Amino acid sequence: MRIAPRTVIWLNETQHYLFNAADPELGERIAADLPARLVTLERGPVLILGTIWPEHFAALAGLPATDVDDRHAQARPLLAGRDLAVTSTCRRRPGDREGHR
């Protein structure tokens, strides 16, 4: 797969790409492959943007217990420090006009 410069890749429900119950290793293969495809000197900027529910983010980004295999070792670095929490409701600020935000 070739990714063109100035491409935006939208991963809606990112957990479906990085964690798959039917094939637990698939998400790790995807996570391991992404950096190699994105980091080249010939390519211009590429943006990967995704949405993920907080509980799935915590499961993928959190460290495993010491006595358990690390099932998300490749996904964790992709997510580390890159989360932006969004509130579940939008509130109008003082001065906002009706219908404008």
PDB file of N, CA and C in Angstrom:
ATOM      1  N   MET A   1       0.843  -1.175   0.000  1.00  0.00           N
ATOM      2  CA  MET A   1       0.000   0.000   0.000  1.00  0.00           C
ATOM      3  C   MET A   1       0.890   1.240   0.000  1.00  0.00           C
ATOM      4  N   ARG A   2       0.583   2.177  -0.860  1.00  0.00           N
ATOM      5  CA  ARG A   2       1.334   3.427  -0.939  1.00  0.00           C
ATOM      6  C   ARG A   2       0.460   4.552  -0.397  1.00  0.00           C
ATOM      7  N   ILE A   3       1.020   5.356   0.480  1.00  0.00           N
ATOM      8  CA  ILE A   3       0.293   6.480   1.068  1.00  0.00           C
ATOM      9  C   ILE A   3       0.865   7.762   0.479  1.00  0.00           C
ATOM     10  N   ALA A   4       0.014   8.544  -0.159  1.00  0.00           N
ATOM     11  CA  ALA A   4       0.449   9.774  -0.817  1.00  0.00           C
ATOM     12  C   ALA A   4       0.722  10.877   0.202  1.00  0.00           C
ATOM     13  N   PRO A   5       1.566  11.859  -0.165  1.00  0.00           N
ATOM     14  CA  PRO A   5       1.803  13.003   0.721  1.00  0.00           C
ATOM     15  C   PRO A   5       0.505  13.754   0.998  1.00  0.00           C
ATOM     16  N   ARG A   6       0.469  14.410   2.142  1.00  0.00           N
ATOM     17  CA  ARG A   6      -0.674  15.225   2.558  1.00  0.00           C
ATOM     18  C   ARG A   6      -1.973  14.416   2.651  1.00  0.00           C
ATOM     19  N   THR A   7      -1.831  13.174   3.061  1.00  0.00           N
ATOM     20  CA  THR A   7      -2.979  12.293   3.244  1.00  0.00           C
ATOM     21  C   THR A   7      -3.425  12.337   4.700  1.00  0.00           C
ATOM     22  N   VAL A   8      -4.731  12.326   4.912  1.00  0.00           N
ATOM     23  CA  VAL A   8      -5.299  12.193   6.249  1.00  0.00           C
ATOM     24  C   VAL A   8      -5.945  10.816   6.320  1.00  0.00           C
ATOM     25  N   ILE A   9      -5.513  10.021   7.275  1.00  0.00           N
ATOM     26  CA  ILE A   9      -6.081   8.693   7.485  1.00  0.00           C
ATOM     27  C   ILE A   9      -6.945   8.765   8.734  1.00  0.00           C
ATOM     28  N   TRP A  10      -8.226   8.512   8.564  1.00  0.00           N
ATOM     29  CA  TRP A  10      -9.181   8.591   9.667  1.00  0.00           C
ATOM     30  C   TRP A  10      -9.503   7.171  10.123  1.00  0.00           C
ATOM     31  N   LEU A  11      -9.161   6.852  11.366  1.00  0.00           N
ATOM     32  CA  LEU A  11      -9.466   5.547  11.945  1.00  0.00           C
ATOM     33  C   LEU A  11     -10.613   5.711  12.932  1.00  0.00           C
ATOM     34  N   ASN A  12     -11.829   5.609  12.432  1.00  0.00           N
ATOM     35  CA  ASN A  12     -12.994   5.683  13.302  1.00  0.00           C
ATOM     36  C   ASN A  12     -13.054   4.393  14.124  1.00  0.00           C
ATOM     37  N   GLU A  13     -13.281   4.528  15.420  1.00  0.00           N
ATOM     38  CA  GLU A  13     -13.278   3.357  16.311  1.00  0.00           C
ATOM     39  C   GLU A  13     -11.924   2.632  16.195  1.00  0.00           C
ATOM     40  N   THR A  14     -10.869   3.340  16.517  1.00  0.00           N
ATOM     41  CA  THR A  14      -9.494   2.856  16.364  1.00  0.00           C
ATOM     42  C   THR A  14      -9.266   1.482  16.976  1.00  0.00           C
ATOM     43  N   GLN A  15      -9.987   1.168  18.039  1.00  0.00           N
ATOM     44  CA  GLN A  15      -9.794  -0.135  18.679  1.00  0.00           C
ATOM     45  C   GLN A  15     -10.069  -1.286  17.706  1.00  0.00           C
ATOM     46  N   HIS A  16     -10.905  -1.078  16.693  1.00  0.00           N
ATOM     47  CA  HIS A  16     -11.173  -2.147  15.729  1.00  0.00           C
ATOM     48  C   HIS A  16      -9.948  -2.445  14.865  1.00  0.00           C
ATOM     49  N   TYR A  17      -9.059  -1.476  14.725  1.00  0.00           N
ATOM     50  CA  TYR A  17      -7.841  -1.671  13.949  1.00  0.00           C
ATOM     51  C   TYR A  17      -6.700  -2.211  14.807  1.00  0.00           C
ATOM     52  N   LEU A  18      -6.645  -1.772  16.062  1.00  0.00           N
ATOM     53  CA  LEU A  18      -5.521  -2.144  16.922  1.00  0.00           C
ATOM     54  C   LEU A  18      -5.821  -3.305  17.864  1.00  0.00           C
ATOM     55  N   PHE A  19      -7.070  -3.708  17.949  1.00  0.00           N
ATOM     56  CA  PHE A  19      -7.428  -4.867  18.771  1.00  0.00           C
ATOM     57  C   PHE A  19      -8.567  -5.608  18.089  1.00  0.00           C
ATOM     58  N   ASN A  20      -8.348  -6.870  17.816  1.00  0.00           N
ATOM     59  CA  ASN A  20      -9.356  -7.687  17.148  1.00  0.00           C
ATOM     60  C   ASN A  20      -9.477  -8.988  17.924  1.00  0.00           C
ATOM     61  N   ALA A  21     -10.622  -9.212  18.562  1.00  0.00           N
ATOM     62  CA  ALA A  21     -10.809 -10.400  19.393  1.00  0.00           C
ATOM     63  C   ALA A  21     -10.695 -11.687  18.577  1.00  0.00           C
ATOM     64  N   ALA A  22     -11.134 -11.667  17.328  1.00  0.00           N
ATOM     65  CA  ALA A  22     -11.066 -12.863  16.486  1.00  0.00           C
ATOM     66  C   ALA A  22      -9.628 -13.199  16.092  1.00  0.00           C
ATOM     67  N   ASP A  23      -8.791 -12.180  15.948  1.00  0.00           N
ATOM     68  CA  ASP A  23      -7.383 -12.373  15.579  1.00  0.00           C
ATOM     69  C   ASP A  23      -6.548 -11.401  16.404  1.00  0.00           C
ATOM     70  N   PRO A  24      -6.226 -11.757  17.659  1.00  0.00           N
ATOM     71  CA  PRO A  24      -5.533 -10.831  18.563  1.00  0.00           C
ATOM     72  C   PRO A  24      -4.203 -10.295  18.032  1.00  0.00           C
ATOM     73  N   GLU A  25      -3.544 -11.019  17.148  1.00  0.00           N
ATOM     74  CA  GLU A  25      -2.250 -10.566  16.634  1.00  0.00           C
ATOM     75  C   GLU A  25      -2.388  -9.573  15.479  1.00  0.00           C
ATOM     76  N   LEU A  26      -3.569  -9.480  14.880  1.00  0.00           N
ATOM     77  CA  LEU A  26      -3.773  -8.584  13.740  1.00  0.00           C
ATOM     78  C   LEU A  26      -3.500  -7.128  14.111  1.00  0.00           C
ATOM     79  N   GLY A  27      -4.039  -6.664  15.215  1.00  0.00           N
ATOM     80  CA  GLY A  27      -3.823  -5.283  15.646  1.00  0.00           C
ATOM     81  C   GLY A  27      -2.358  -4.970  15.871  1.00  0.00           C
ATOM     82  N   GLU A  28      -1.626  -5.911  16.423  1.00  0.00           N
ATOM     83  CA  GLU A  28      -0.193  -5.705  16.641  1.00  0.00           C
ATOM     84  C   GLU A  28       0.555  -5.642  15.316  1.00  0.00           C
ATOM     85  N   ARG A  29       0.141  -6.436  14.349  1.00  0.00           N
ATOM     86  CA  ARG A  29       0.783  -6.376  13.023  1.00  0.00           C
ATOM     87  C   ARG A  29       0.506  -5.031  12.358  1.00  0.00           C
ATOM     88  N   ILE A  30      -0.721  -4.540  12.484  1.00  0.00           N
ATOM     89  CA  ILE A  30      -1.060  -3.224  11.927  1.00  0.00           C
ATOM     90  C   ILE A  30      -0.244  -2.141  12.618  1.00  0.00           C
ATOM     91  N   ALA A  31      -0.195  -2.176  13.949  1.00  0.00           N
ATOM     92  CA  ALA A  31       0.550  -1.168  14.711  1.00  0.00           C
ATOM     93  C   ALA A  31       2.039  -1.212  14.387  1.00  0.00           C
ATOM     94  N   ALA A  32       2.585  -2.391  14.179  1.00  0.00           N
ATOM     95  CA  ALA A  32       4.006  -2.518  13.853  1.00  0.00           C
ATOM     96  C   ALA A  32       4.309  -2.001  12.449  1.00  0.00           C
ATOM     97  N   ASP A  33       3.353  -2.126  11.543  1.00  0.00           N
ATOM     98  CA  ASP A  33       3.554  -1.741  10.147  1.00  0.00           C
ATOM     99  C   ASP A  33       3.401  -0.236   9.906  1.00  0.00           C
ATOM    100  N   LEU A  34       2.571   0.427  10.678  1.00  0.00           N
ATOM    101  CA  LEU A  34       2.293   1.853  10.439  1.00  0.00           C
ATOM    102  C   LEU A  34       3.527   2.751  10.447  1.00  0.00           C
ATOM    103  N   PRO A  35       4.378   2.707  11.465  1.00  0.00           N
ATOM    104  CA  PRO A  35       5.529   3.630  11.469  1.00  0.00           C
ATOM    105  C   PRO A  35       6.425   3.483  10.242  1.00  0.00           C
ATOM    106  N   ALA A  36       6.667   2.268   9.799  1.00  0.00           N
ATOM    107  CA  ALA A  36       7.528   2.059   8.636  1.00  0.00           C
ATOM    108  C   ALA A  36       6.920   2.671   7.376  1.00  0.00           C
ATOM    109  N   ARG A  37       5.611   2.657   7.277  1.00  0.00           N
ATOM    110  CA  ARG A  37       4.946   3.223   6.102  1.00  0.00           C
ATOM    111  C   ARG A  37       4.881   4.744   6.146  1.00  0.00           C
ATOM    112  N   LEU A  38       4.974   5.310   7.327  1.00  0.00           N
ATOM    113  CA  LEU A  38       4.808   6.756   7.468  1.00  0.00           C
ATOM    114  C   LEU A  38       6.113   7.521   7.512  1.00  0.00           C
ATOM    115  N   VAL A  39       7.165   6.896   7.977  1.00  0.00           N
ATOM    116  CA  VAL A  39       8.427   7.601   8.179  1.00  0.00           C
ATOM    117  C   VAL A  39       9.358   7.342   7.000  1.00  0.00           C
ATOM    118  N   THR A  40       9.249   8.180   5.988  1.00  0.00           N
ATOM    119  CA  THR A  40      10.171   8.141   4.855  1.00  0.00           C
ATOM    120  C   THR A  40      10.521   9.575   4.491  1.00  0.00           C
ATOM    121  N   LEU A  41      11.722   9.790   4.046  1.00  0.00           N
ATOM    122  CA  LEU A  41      12.169  11.135   3.701  1.00  0.00           C
ATOM    123  C   LEU A  41      11.501  11.643   2.427  1.00  0.00           C
ATOM    124  N   GLU A  42      11.098  10.738   1.530  1.00  0.00           N
ATOM    125  CA  GLU A  42      10.511  11.147   0.259  1.00  0.00           C
ATOM    126  C   GLU A  42       9.082  11.657   0.408  1.00  0.00           C
ATOM    127  N   ARG A  43       8.389  11.217   1.428  1.00  0.00           N
ATOM    128  CA  ARG A  43       6.973  11.531   1.572  1.00  0.00           C
ATOM    129  C   ARG A  43       6.784  12.831   2.340  1.00  0.00           C
ATOM    130  N   GLY A  44       5.756  13.555   1.957  1.00  0.00           N
ATOM    131  CA  GLY A  44       5.359  14.740   2.707  1.00  0.00           C
ATOM    132  C   GLY A  44       4.581  14.314   3.940  1.00  0.00           C
ATOM    133  N   PRO A  45       3.969  15.264   4.609  1.00  0.00           N
ATOM    134  CA  PRO A  45       3.277  14.946   5.862  1.00  0.00           C
ATOM    135  C   PRO A  45       2.055  14.046   5.653  1.00  0.00           C
ATOM    136  N   VAL A  46       1.847  13.172   6.615  1.00  0.00           N
ATOM    137  CA  VAL A  46       0.677  12.300   6.664  1.00  0.00           C
ATOM    138  C   VAL A  46       0.122  12.398   8.077  1.00  0.00           C
ATOM    139  N   LEU A  47      -1.180  12.550   8.185  1.00  0.00           N
ATOM    140  CA  LEU A  47      -1.831  12.650   9.489  1.00  0.00           C
ATOM    141  C   LEU A  47      -2.705  11.428   9.708  1.00  0.00           C
ATOM    142  N   ILE A  48      -2.498  10.760  10.835  1.00  0.00           N
ATOM    143  CA  ILE A  48      -3.388   9.671  11.228  1.00  0.00           C
ATOM    144  C   ILE A  48      -4.183  10.167  12.417  1.00  0.00           C
ATOM    145  N   LEU A  49      -5.486  10.134  12.276  1.00  0.00           N
ATOM    146  CA  LEU A  49      -6.384  10.632  13.304  1.00  0.00           C
ATOM    147  C   LEU A  49      -7.403   9.543  13.584  1.00  0.00           C
ATOM    148  N   GLY A  50      -7.668   9.302  14.844  1.00  0.00           N
ATOM    149  CA  GLY A  50      -8.624   8.256  15.163  1.00  0.00           C
ATOM    150  C   GLY A  50      -9.469   8.598  16.367  1.00  0.00           C
ATOM    151  N   THR A  51     -10.595   7.930  16.454  1.00  0.00           N
ATOM    152  CA  THR A  51     -11.451   8.043  17.628  1.00  0.00           C
ATOM    153  C   THR A  51     -11.430   6.700  18.342  1.00  0.00           C
ATOM    154  N   ILE A  52     -11.478   6.765  19.654  1.00  0.00           N
ATOM    155  CA  ILE A  52     -11.459   5.538  20.446  1.00  0.00           C
ATOM    156  C   ILE A  52     -12.139   5.824  21.779  1.00  0.00           C
ATOM    157  N   TRP A  53     -12.926   4.888  22.237  1.00  0.00           N
ATOM    158  CA  TRP A  53     -13.587   5.042  23.529  1.00  0.00           C
ATOM    159  C   TRP A  53     -12.549   4.958  24.640  1.00  0.00           C
ATOM    160  N   PRO A  54     -12.741   5.709  25.741  1.00  0.00           N
ATOM    161  CA  PRO A  54     -11.746   5.750  26.822  1.00  0.00           C
ATOM    162  C   PRO A  54     -11.351   4.376  27.362  1.00  0.00           C
ATOM    163  N   GLU A  55     -12.302   3.472  27.514  1.00  0.00           N
ATOM    164  CA  GLU A  55     -11.968   2.154  28.064  1.00  0.00           C
ATOM    165  C   GLU A  55     -11.088   1.350  27.111  1.00  0.00           C
ATOM    166  N   HIS A  56     -11.266   1.516  25.809  1.00  0.00           N
ATOM    167  CA  HIS A  56     -10.413   0.823  24.839  1.00  0.00           C
ATOM    168  C   HIS A  56      -9.026   1.462  24.796  1.00  0.00           C
ATOM    169  N   PHE A  57      -8.987   2.793  24.901  1.00  0.00           N
ATOM    170  CA  PHE A  57      -7.697   3.480  24.945  1.00  0.00           C
ATOM    171  C   PHE A  57      -6.896   3.003  26.152  1.00  0.00           C
ATOM    172  N   ALA A  58      -7.551   2.933  27.312  1.00  0.00           N
ATOM    173  CA  ALA A  58      -6.867   2.490  28.533  1.00  0.00           C
ATOM    174  C   ALA A  58      -6.340   1.066  28.383  1.00  0.00           C
ATOM    175  N   ALA A  59      -7.117   0.195  27.765  1.00  0.00           N
ATOM    176  CA  ALA A  59      -6.683  -1.194  27.583  1.00  0.00           C
ATOM    177  C   ALA A  59      -5.490  -1.295  26.639  1.00  0.00           C
ATOM    178  N   LEU A  60      -5.477  -0.489  25.581  1.00  0.00           N
ATOM    179  CA  LEU A  60      -4.384  -0.544  24.610  1.00  0.00           C
ATOM    180  C   LEU A  60      -3.139   0.201  25.081  1.00  0.00           C
ATOM    181  N   ALA A  61      -3.328   1.307  25.778  1.00  0.00           N
ATOM    182  CA  ALA A  61      -2.194   2.153  26.164  1.00  0.00           C
ATOM    183  C   ALA A  61      -1.606   1.788  27.520  1.00  0.00           C
ATOM    184  N   GLY A  62      -2.358   1.083  28.337  1.00  0.00           N
ATOM    185  CA  GLY A  62      -1.883   0.754  29.680  1.00  0.00           C
ATOM    186  C   GLY A  62      -0.874  -0.381  29.693  1.00  0.00           C
ATOM    187  N   LEU A  63      -0.033  -0.370  30.698  1.00  0.00           N
ATOM    188  CA  LEU A  63       0.954  -1.440  30.850  1.00  0.00           C
ATOM    189  C   LEU A  63       0.277  -2.691  31.393  1.00  0.00           C
ATOM    190  N   PRO A  64       0.686  -3.861  30.900  1.00  0.00           N
ATOM    191  CA  PRO A  64       0.089  -5.100  31.401  1.00  0.00           C
ATOM    192  C   PRO A  64       0.667  -5.463  32.768  1.00  0.00           C
ATOM    193  N   ALA A  65      -0.005  -6.367  33.447  1.00  0.00           N
ATOM    194  CA  ALA A  65       0.547  -6.903  34.695  1.00  0.00           C
ATOM    195  C   ALA A  65       1.862  -7.603  34.360  1.00  0.00           C
ATOM    196  N   THR A  66       2.746  -7.668  35.318  1.00  0.00           N
ATOM    197  CA  THR A  66       4.082  -8.219  35.053  1.00  0.00           C
ATOM    198  C   THR A  66       4.065  -9.706  34.720  1.00  0.00           C
ATOM    199  N   ASP A  67       3.043 -10.426  35.131  1.00  0.00           N
ATOM    200  CA  ASP A  67       3.008 -11.869  34.885  1.00  0.00           C
ATOM    201  C   ASP A  67       2.183 -12.246  33.646  1.00  0.00           C
ATOM    202  N   VAL A  68       1.888 -11.253  32.799  1.00  0.00           N
ATOM    203  CA  VAL A  68       1.048 -11.470  31.619  1.00  0.00           C
ATOM    204  C   VAL A  68       1.812 -11.031  30.372  1.00  0.00           C
ATOM    205  N   ASP A  69       1.579 -11.738  29.260  1.00  0.00           N
ATOM    206  CA  ASP A  69       2.186 -11.323  27.990  1.00  0.00           C
ATOM    207  C   ASP A  69       1.693  -9.929  27.609  1.00  0.00           C
ATOM    208  N   ASP A  70       2.578  -9.141  27.028  1.00  0.00           N
ATOM    209  CA  ASP A  70       2.227  -7.787  26.593  1.00  0.00           C
ATOM    210  C   ASP A  70       1.573  -7.878  25.218  1.00  0.00           C
ATOM    211  N   ARG A  71       0.247  -7.892  25.191  1.00  0.00           N
ATOM    212  CA  ARG A  71      -0.502  -8.080  23.950  1.00  0.00           C
ATOM    213  C   ARG A  71      -0.572  -6.814  23.102  1.00  0.00           C
ATOM    214  N   HIS A  72      -0.155  -5.664  23.650  1.00  0.00           N
ATOM    215  CA  HIS A  72      -0.268  -4.403  22.909  1.00  0.00           C
ATOM    216  C   HIS A  72       1.066  -3.653  22.860  1.00  0.00           C
ATOM    217  N   ALA A  73       2.154  -4.375  22.788  1.00  0.00           N
ATOM    218  CA  ALA A  73       3.487  -3.762  22.809  1.00  0.00           C
ATOM    219  C   ALA A  73       3.732  -2.848  21.608  1.00  0.00           C
ATOM    220  N   GLN A  74       3.147  -3.143  20.461  1.00  0.00           N
ATOM    221  CA  GLN A  74       3.330  -2.309  19.270  1.00  0.00           C
ATOM    222  C   GLN A  74       2.353  -1.138  19.242  1.00  0.00           C
ATOM    223  N   ALA A  75       1.141  -1.352  19.739  1.00  0.00           N
ATOM    224  CA  ALA A  75       0.120  -0.297  19.721  1.00  0.00           C
ATOM    225  C   ALA A  75       0.414   0.794  20.744  1.00  0.00           C
ATOM    226  N   ARG A  76       0.949   0.413  21.894  1.00  0.00           N
ATOM    227  CA  ARG A  76       1.163   1.372  22.986  1.00  0.00           C
ATOM    228  C   ARG A  76       1.986   2.588  22.566  1.00  0.00           C
ATOM    229  N   PRO A  77       3.125   2.431  21.893  1.00  0.00           N
ATOM    230  CA  PRO A  77       3.903   3.620  21.498  1.00  0.00           C
ATOM    231  C   PRO A  77       3.163   4.530  20.510  1.00  0.00           C
ATOM    232  N   LEU A  78       2.274   3.965  19.706  1.00  0.00           N
ATOM    233  CA  LEU A  78       1.496   4.800  18.781  1.00  0.00           C
ATOM    234  C   LEU A  78       0.517   5.697  19.528  1.00  0.00           C
ATOM    235  N   LEU A  79       0.051   5.246  20.688  1.00  0.00           N
ATOM    236  CA  LEU A  79      -0.957   5.977  21.455  1.00  0.00           C
ATOM    237  C   LEU A  79      -0.368   6.844  22.563  1.00  0.00           C
ATOM    238  N   ALA A  80       0.815   6.511  23.027  1.00  0.00           N
ATOM    239  CA  ALA A  80       1.401   7.173  24.202  1.00  0.00           C
ATOM    240  C   ALA A  80       1.526   8.680  24.013  1.00  0.00           C
ATOM    241  N   GLY A  81       0.882   9.419  24.898  1.00  0.00           N
ATOM    242  CA  GLY A  81       0.976  10.871  24.886  1.00  0.00           C
ATOM    243  C   GLY A  81       0.259  11.536  23.729  1.00  0.00           C
ATOM    244  N   ARG A  82      -0.584  10.792  23.046  1.00  0.00           N
ATOM    245  CA  ARG A  82      -1.250  11.348  21.867  1.00  0.00           C
ATOM    246  C   ARG A  82      -2.761  11.402  22.011  1.00  0.00           C
ATOM    247  N   ASP A  83      -3.229  11.306  23.231  1.00  0.00           N
ATOM    248  CA  ASP A  83      -4.679  11.333  23.430  1.00  0.00           C
ATOM    249  C   ASP A  83      -5.163  12.747  23.718  1.00  0.00           C
ATOM    250  N   LEU A  84      -6.349  13.020  23.269  1.00  0.00           N
ATOM    251  CA  LEU A  84      -7.011  14.296  23.497  1.00  0.00           C
ATOM    252  C   LEU A  84      -8.431  13.969  23.938  1.00  0.00           C
ATOM    253  N   ALA A  85      -8.685  14.133  25.222  1.00  0.00           N
ATOM    254  CA  ALA A  85     -10.004  13.800  25.764  1.00  0.00           C
ATOM    255  C   ALA A  85     -11.024  14.846  25.331  1.00  0.00           C
ATOM    256  N   VAL A  86     -12.173  14.381  24.927  1.00  0.00           N
ATOM    257  CA  VAL A  86     -13.269  15.253  24.510  1.00  0.00           C
ATOM    258  C   VAL A  86     -14.449  14.970  25.424  1.00  0.00           C
ATOM    259  N   THR A  87     -15.090  16.024  25.902  1.00  0.00           N
ATOM    260  CA  THR A  87     -16.230  15.832  26.793  1.00  0.00           C
ATOM    261  C   THR A  87     -17.394  15.205  26.033  1.00  0.00           C
ATOM    262  N   SER A  88     -18.266  14.568  26.771  1.00  0.00           N
ATOM    263  CA  SER A  88     -19.395  13.891  26.136  1.00  0.00           C
ATOM    264  C   SER A  88     -20.516  14.857  25.749  1.00  0.00           C
ATOM    265  N   THR A  89     -20.459  16.089  26.249  1.00  0.00           N
ATOM    266  CA  THR A  89     -21.464  17.088  25.879  1.00  0.00           C
ATOM    267  C   THR A  89     -20.767  18.382  25.495  1.00  0.00           C
ATOM    268  N   CYS A  90     -21.412  19.144  24.650  1.00  0.00           N
ATOM    269  CA  CYS A  90     -20.896  20.459  24.270  1.00  0.00           C
ATOM    270  C   CYS A  90     -21.659  21.513  25.057  1.00  0.00           C
ATOM    271  N   ARG A  91     -20.949  22.446  25.583  1.00  0.00           N
ATOM    272  CA  ARG A  91     -21.584  23.519  26.346  1.00  0.00           C
ATOM    273  C   ARG A  91     -21.319  24.840  25.652  1.00  0.00           C
ATOM    274  N   ARG A  92     -22.333  25.690  25.669  1.00  0.00           N
ATOM    275  CA  ARG A  92     -22.131  27.019  25.108  1.00  0.00           C
ATOM    276  C   ARG A  92     -21.344  27.855  26.098  1.00  0.00           C
ATOM    277  N   ARG A  93     -20.499  28.683  25.550  1.00  0.00           N
ATOM    278  CA  ARG A  93     -19.725  29.615  26.370  1.00  0.00           C
ATOM    279  C   ARG A  93     -20.453  30.943  26.428  1.00  0.00           C
ATOM    280  N   PRO A  94     -20.203  31.726  27.464  1.00  0.00           N
ATOM    281  CA  PRO A  94     -20.819  33.058  27.513  1.00  0.00           C
ATOM    282  C   PRO A  94     -20.452  33.839  26.252  1.00  0.00           C
ATOM    283  N   GLY A  95     -21.434  34.470  25.648  1.00  0.00           N
ATOM    284  CA  GLY A  95     -21.188  35.250  24.441  1.00  0.00           C
ATOM    285  C   GLY A  95     -21.437  34.491  23.150  1.00  0.00           C
ATOM    286  N   ASP A  96     -21.545  33.143  23.223  1.00  0.00           N
ATOM    287  CA  ASP A  96     -21.865  32.381  22.016  1.00  0.00           C
ATOM    288  C   ASP A  96     -23.287  32.697  21.584  1.00  0.00           C
ATOM    289  N   ARG A  97     -23.463  32.863  20.295  1.00  0.00           N
ATOM    290  CA  ARG A  97     -24.812  33.089  19.777  1.00  0.00           C
ATOM    291  C   ARG A  97     -25.485  31.744  19.529  1.00  0.00           C
ATOM    292  N   GLU A  98     -26.788  31.728  19.616  1.00  0.00           N
ATOM    293  CA  GLU A  98     -27.557  30.504  19.365  1.00  0.00           C
ATOM    294  C   GLU A  98     -27.215  29.958  17.981  1.00  0.00           C
ATOM    295  N   GLY A  99     -26.885  28.678  17.910  1.00  0.00           N
ATOM    296  CA  GLY A  99     -26.586  28.051  16.628  1.00  0.00           C
ATOM    297  C   GLY A  99     -25.166  28.275  16.137  1.00  0.00           C
ATOM    298  N   HIS A 100     -24.357  29.065  16.846  1.00  0.00           N
ATOM    299  CA  HIS A 100     -22.969  29.324  16.448  1.00  0.00           C
ATOM    300  C   HIS A 100     -22.045  28.912  17.582  1.00  0.00           C
ATOM    301  N   ARG A 101     -21.003  28.227  17.235  1.00  0.00           N
ATOM    302  CA  ARG A 101     -20.016  27.817  18.247  1.00  0.00           C
ATOM    303  C   ARG A 101     -18.635  28.096  17.734  1.00  0.00           C
TER     304      ARG A 101
END
